[in-house]
Amino acid sequence: MHKLKKLLGKILIGTMLLTLTGTTSLVINAADTTNPYIKLY
């Protein structure tokens, strides 16, 4: 049971990180298309 909880925690953290990076890249892309002067990369 303890191993399962640990695994679920890892999956949850991984999902949160993926969501966070996905949202960040979406925001960067949106800012990039609306403002040609912003070049973040």
PDB file of N, CA and C in Angstrom:
ATOM      1  N   MET A   1       0.833  -1.201   0.000  1.00  0.00           N
ATOM      2  CA  MET A   1       0.000   0.000   0.000  1.00  0.00           C
ATOM      3  C   MET A   1       0.872   1.258   0.000  1.00  0.00           C
ATOM      4  N   HIS A   2       1.971   1.192   0.758  1.00  0.00           N
ATOM      5  CA  HIS A   2       2.861   2.352   0.842  1.00  0.00           C
ATOM      6  C   HIS A   2       3.516   2.634  -0.507  1.00  0.00           C
ATOM      7  N   LYS A   3       3.892   1.549  -1.213  1.00  0.00           N
ATOM      8  CA  LYS A   3       4.532   1.716  -2.524  1.00  0.00           C
ATOM      9  C   LYS A   3       3.569   2.353  -3.514  1.00  0.00           C
ATOM     10  N   LEU A   4       2.302   1.956  -3.420  1.00  0.00           N
ATOM     11  CA  LEU A   4       1.290   2.494  -4.327  1.00  0.00           C
ATOM     12  C   LEU A   4       1.121   3.995  -4.109  1.00  0.00           C
ATOM     13  N   LYS A   5       1.089   4.388  -2.837  1.00  0.00           N
ATOM     14  CA  LYS A   5       0.957   5.812  -2.518  1.00  0.00           C
ATOM     15  C   LYS A   5       2.131   6.602  -3.069  1.00  0.00           C
ATOM     16  N   LYS A   6       3.331   6.032  -2.931  1.00  0.00           N
ATOM     17  CA  LYS A   6       4.535   6.696  -3.420  1.00  0.00           C
ATOM     18  C   LYS A   6       4.461   6.870  -4.936  1.00  0.00           C
ATOM     19  N   LEU A   7       4.011   5.813  -5.615  1.00  0.00           N
ATOM     20  CA  LEU A   7       3.900   5.843  -7.068  1.00  0.00           C
ATOM     21  C   LEU A   7       2.872   6.878  -7.509  1.00  0.00           C
ATOM     22  N   LEU A   8       1.736   6.902  -6.820  1.00  0.00           N
ATOM     23  CA  LEU A   8       0.696   7.876  -7.151  1.00  0.00           C
ATOM     24  C   LEU A   8       1.198   9.297  -6.941  1.00  0.00           C
ATOM     25  N   GLY A   9       1.990   9.484  -5.889  1.00  0.00           N
ATOM     26  CA  GLY A   9       2.558  10.798  -5.624  1.00  0.00           C
ATOM     27  C   GLY A   9       3.481  11.239  -6.743  1.00  0.00           C
ATOM     28  N   LYS A  10       4.306  10.291  -7.210  1.00  0.00           N
ATOM     29  CA  LYS A  10       5.227  10.600  -8.315  1.00  0.00           C
ATOM     30  C   LYS A  10       4.459  10.948  -9.579  1.00  0.00           C
ATOM     31  N   ILE A  11       3.396  10.185  -9.861  1.00  0.00           N
ATOM     32  CA  ILE A  11       2.584  10.435 -11.054  1.00  0.00           C
ATOM     33  C   ILE A  11       1.928  11.812 -10.953  1.00  0.00           C
ATOM     34  N   LEU A  12       1.421  12.128  -9.753  1.00  0.00           N
ATOM     35  CA  LEU A  12       0.764  13.414  -9.539  1.00  0.00           C
ATOM     36  C   LEU A  12       1.736  14.565  -9.764  1.00  0.00           C
ATOM     37  N   ILE A  13       2.934  14.446  -9.185  1.00  0.00           N
ATOM     38  CA  ILE A  13       3.956  15.489  -9.338  1.00  0.00           C
ATOM     39  C   ILE A  13       4.355  15.626 -10.810  1.00  0.00           C
ATOM     40  N   GLY A  14       4.513  14.480 -11.482  1.00  0.00           N
ATOM     41  CA  GLY A  14       4.876  14.499 -12.898  1.00  0.00           C
ATOM     42  C   GLY A  14       3.819  15.185 -13.739  1.00  0.00           C
ATOM     43  N   THR A  15       2.551  14.870 -13.446  1.00  0.00           N
ATOM     44  CA  THR A  15       1.448  15.481 -14.181  1.00  0.00           C
ATOM     45  C   THR A  15       1.408  16.980 -13.951  1.00  0.00           C
ATOM     46  N   MET A  16       1.613  17.384 -12.694  1.00  0.00           N
ATOM     47  CA  MET A  16       1.609  18.803 -12.370  1.00  0.00           C
ATOM     48  C   MET A  16       2.731  19.538 -13.089  1.00  0.00           C
ATOM     49  N   LEU A  17       3.914  18.931 -13.130  1.00  0.00           N
ATOM     50  CA  LEU A  17       5.052  19.546 -13.811  1.00  0.00           C
ATOM     51  C   LEU A  17       4.781  19.674 -15.303  1.00  0.00           C
ATOM     52  N   LEU A  18       4.204  18.619 -15.894  1.00  0.00           N
ATOM     53  CA  LEU A  18       3.884  18.647 -17.317  1.00  0.00           C
ATOM     54  C   LEU A  18       2.867  19.740 -17.612  1.00  0.00           C
ATOM     55  N   THR A  19       1.851  19.842 -16.763  1.00  0.00           N
ATOM     56  CA  THR A  19       0.828  20.867 -16.943  1.00  0.00           C
ATOM     57  C   THR A  19       1.436  22.253 -16.830  1.00  0.00           C
ATOM     58  N   LEU A  20       2.322  22.414 -15.844  1.00  0.00           N
ATOM     59  CA  LEU A  20       2.964  23.704 -15.608  1.00  0.00           C
ATOM     60  C   LEU A  20       3.810  24.119 -16.811  1.00  0.00           C
ATOM     61  N   THR A  21       4.634  23.199 -17.323  1.00  0.00           N
ATOM     62  CA  THR A  21       5.490  23.529 -18.463  1.00  0.00           C
ATOM     63  C   THR A  21       4.650  23.765 -19.709  1.00  0.00           C
ATOM     64  N   GLY A  22       3.571  22.996 -19.860  1.00  0.00           N
ATOM     65  CA  GLY A  22       2.679  23.174 -21.008  1.00  0.00           C
ATOM     66  C   GLY A  22       2.031  24.541 -20.981  1.00  0.00           C
ATOM     67  N   THR A  23       1.553  24.940 -19.808  1.00  0.00           N
ATOM     68  CA  THR A  23       0.920  26.243 -19.656  1.00  0.00           C
ATOM     69  C   THR A  23       1.917  27.358 -19.914  1.00  0.00           C
ATOM     70  N   THR A  24       3.127  27.196 -19.392  1.00  0.00           N
ATOM     71  CA  THR A  24       4.166  28.208 -19.566  1.00  0.00           C
ATOM     72  C   THR A  24       4.494  28.402 -21.036  1.00  0.00           C
ATOM     73  N   SER A  25       4.648  27.286 -21.772  1.00  0.00           N
ATOM     74  CA  SER A  25       4.980  27.398 -23.189  1.00  0.00           C
ATOM     75  C   SER A  25       3.821  28.010 -23.967  1.00  0.00           C
ATOM     76  N   LEU A  26       2.581  27.711 -23.558  1.00  0.00           N
ATOM     77  CA  LEU A  26       1.419  28.307 -24.215  1.00  0.00           C
ATOM     78  C   LEU A  26       1.416  29.817 -24.012  1.00  0.00           C
ATOM     79  N   VAL A  27       1.710  30.236 -22.780  1.00  0.00           N
ATOM     80  CA  VAL A  27       1.747  31.667 -22.463  1.00  0.00           C
ATOM     81  C   VAL A  27       2.853  32.352 -23.258  1.00  0.00           C
ATOM     82  N   ILE A  28       4.015  31.702 -23.329  1.00  0.00           N
ATOM     83  CA  ILE A  28       5.142  32.262 -24.079  1.00  0.00           C
ATOM     84  C   ILE A  28       4.785  32.382 -25.559  1.00  0.00           C
ATOM     85  N   ASN A  29       4.158  31.345 -26.107  1.00  0.00           N
ATOM     86  CA  ASN A  29       3.762  31.374 -27.513  1.00  0.00           C
ATOM     87  C   ASN A  29       2.737  32.467 -27.769  1.00  0.00           C
ATOM     88  N   ALA A  30       1.784  32.629 -26.858  1.00  0.00           N
ATOM     89  CA  ALA A  30       0.755  33.655 -27.008  1.00  0.00           C
ATOM     90  C   ALA A  30       1.386  35.042 -26.964  1.00  0.00           C
ATOM     91  N   ALA A  31       2.292  35.249 -26.007  1.00  0.00           N
ATOM     92  CA  ALA A  31       2.964  36.543 -25.885  1.00  0.00           C
ATOM     93  C   ALA A  31       3.822  36.800 -27.118  1.00  0.00           C
ATOM     94  N   ASP A  32       4.412  35.733 -27.652  1.00  0.00           N
ATOM     95  CA  ASP A  32       5.282  35.853 -28.811  1.00  0.00           C
ATOM     96  C   ASP A  32       4.496  36.257 -30.050  1.00  0.00           C
ATOM     97  N   THR A  33       3.302  35.700 -30.228  1.00  0.00           N
ATOM     98  CA  THR A  33       2.523  36.005 -31.422  1.00  0.00           C
ATOM     99  C   THR A  33       1.871  37.373 -31.327  1.00  0.00           C
ATOM    100  N   THR A  34       1.496  37.803 -30.109  1.00  0.00           N
ATOM    101  CA  THR A  34       0.835  39.093 -29.965  1.00  0.00           C
ATOM    102  C   THR A  34       1.825  40.245 -29.974  1.00  0.00           C
ATOM    103  N   ASN A  35       3.045  39.996 -29.502  1.00  0.00           N
ATOM    104  CA  ASN A  35       4.038  41.058 -29.450  1.00  0.00           C
ATOM    105  C   ASN A  35       5.334  40.590 -30.112  1.00  0.00           C
ATOM    106  N   PRO A  36       5.587  41.034 -31.337  1.00  0.00           N
ATOM    107  CA  PRO A  36       6.784  40.603 -32.069  1.00  0.00           C
ATOM    108  C   PRO A  36       8.084  41.092 -31.436  1.00  0.00           C
ATOM    109  N   TYR A  37       7.993  42.067 -30.533  1.00  0.00           N
ATOM    110  CA  TYR A  37       9.206  42.590 -29.911  1.00  0.00           C
ATOM    111  C   TYR A  37       9.679  41.713 -28.756  1.00  0.00           C
ATOM    112  N   ILE A  38       8.767  40.875 -28.249  1.00  0.00           N
ATOM    113  CA  ILE A  38       9.157  39.972 -27.157  1.00  0.00           C
ATOM    114  C   ILE A  38       9.751  38.706 -27.748  1.00  0.00           C
ATOM    115  N   LYS A  39      11.031  38.525 -27.540  1.00  0.00           N
ATOM    116  CA  LYS A  39      11.688  37.277 -27.954  1.00  0.00           C
ATOM    117  C   LYS A  39      12.342  36.687 -26.720  1.00  0.00           C
ATOM    118  N   LEU A  40      11.715  35.648 -26.171  1.00  0.00           N
ATOM    119  CA  LEU A  40      12.203  35.082 -24.915  1.00  0.00           C
ATOM    120  C   LEU A  40      13.214  33.974 -25.129  1.00  0.00           C
ATOM    121  N   TYR A  41      13.439  33.615 -26.396  1.00  0.00           N
ATOM    122  CA  TYR A  41      14.400  32.536 -26.645  1.00  0.00           C
ATOM    123  C   TYR A  41      15.179  32.801 -27.917  1.00  0.00           C
TER     124      TYR A  41
END
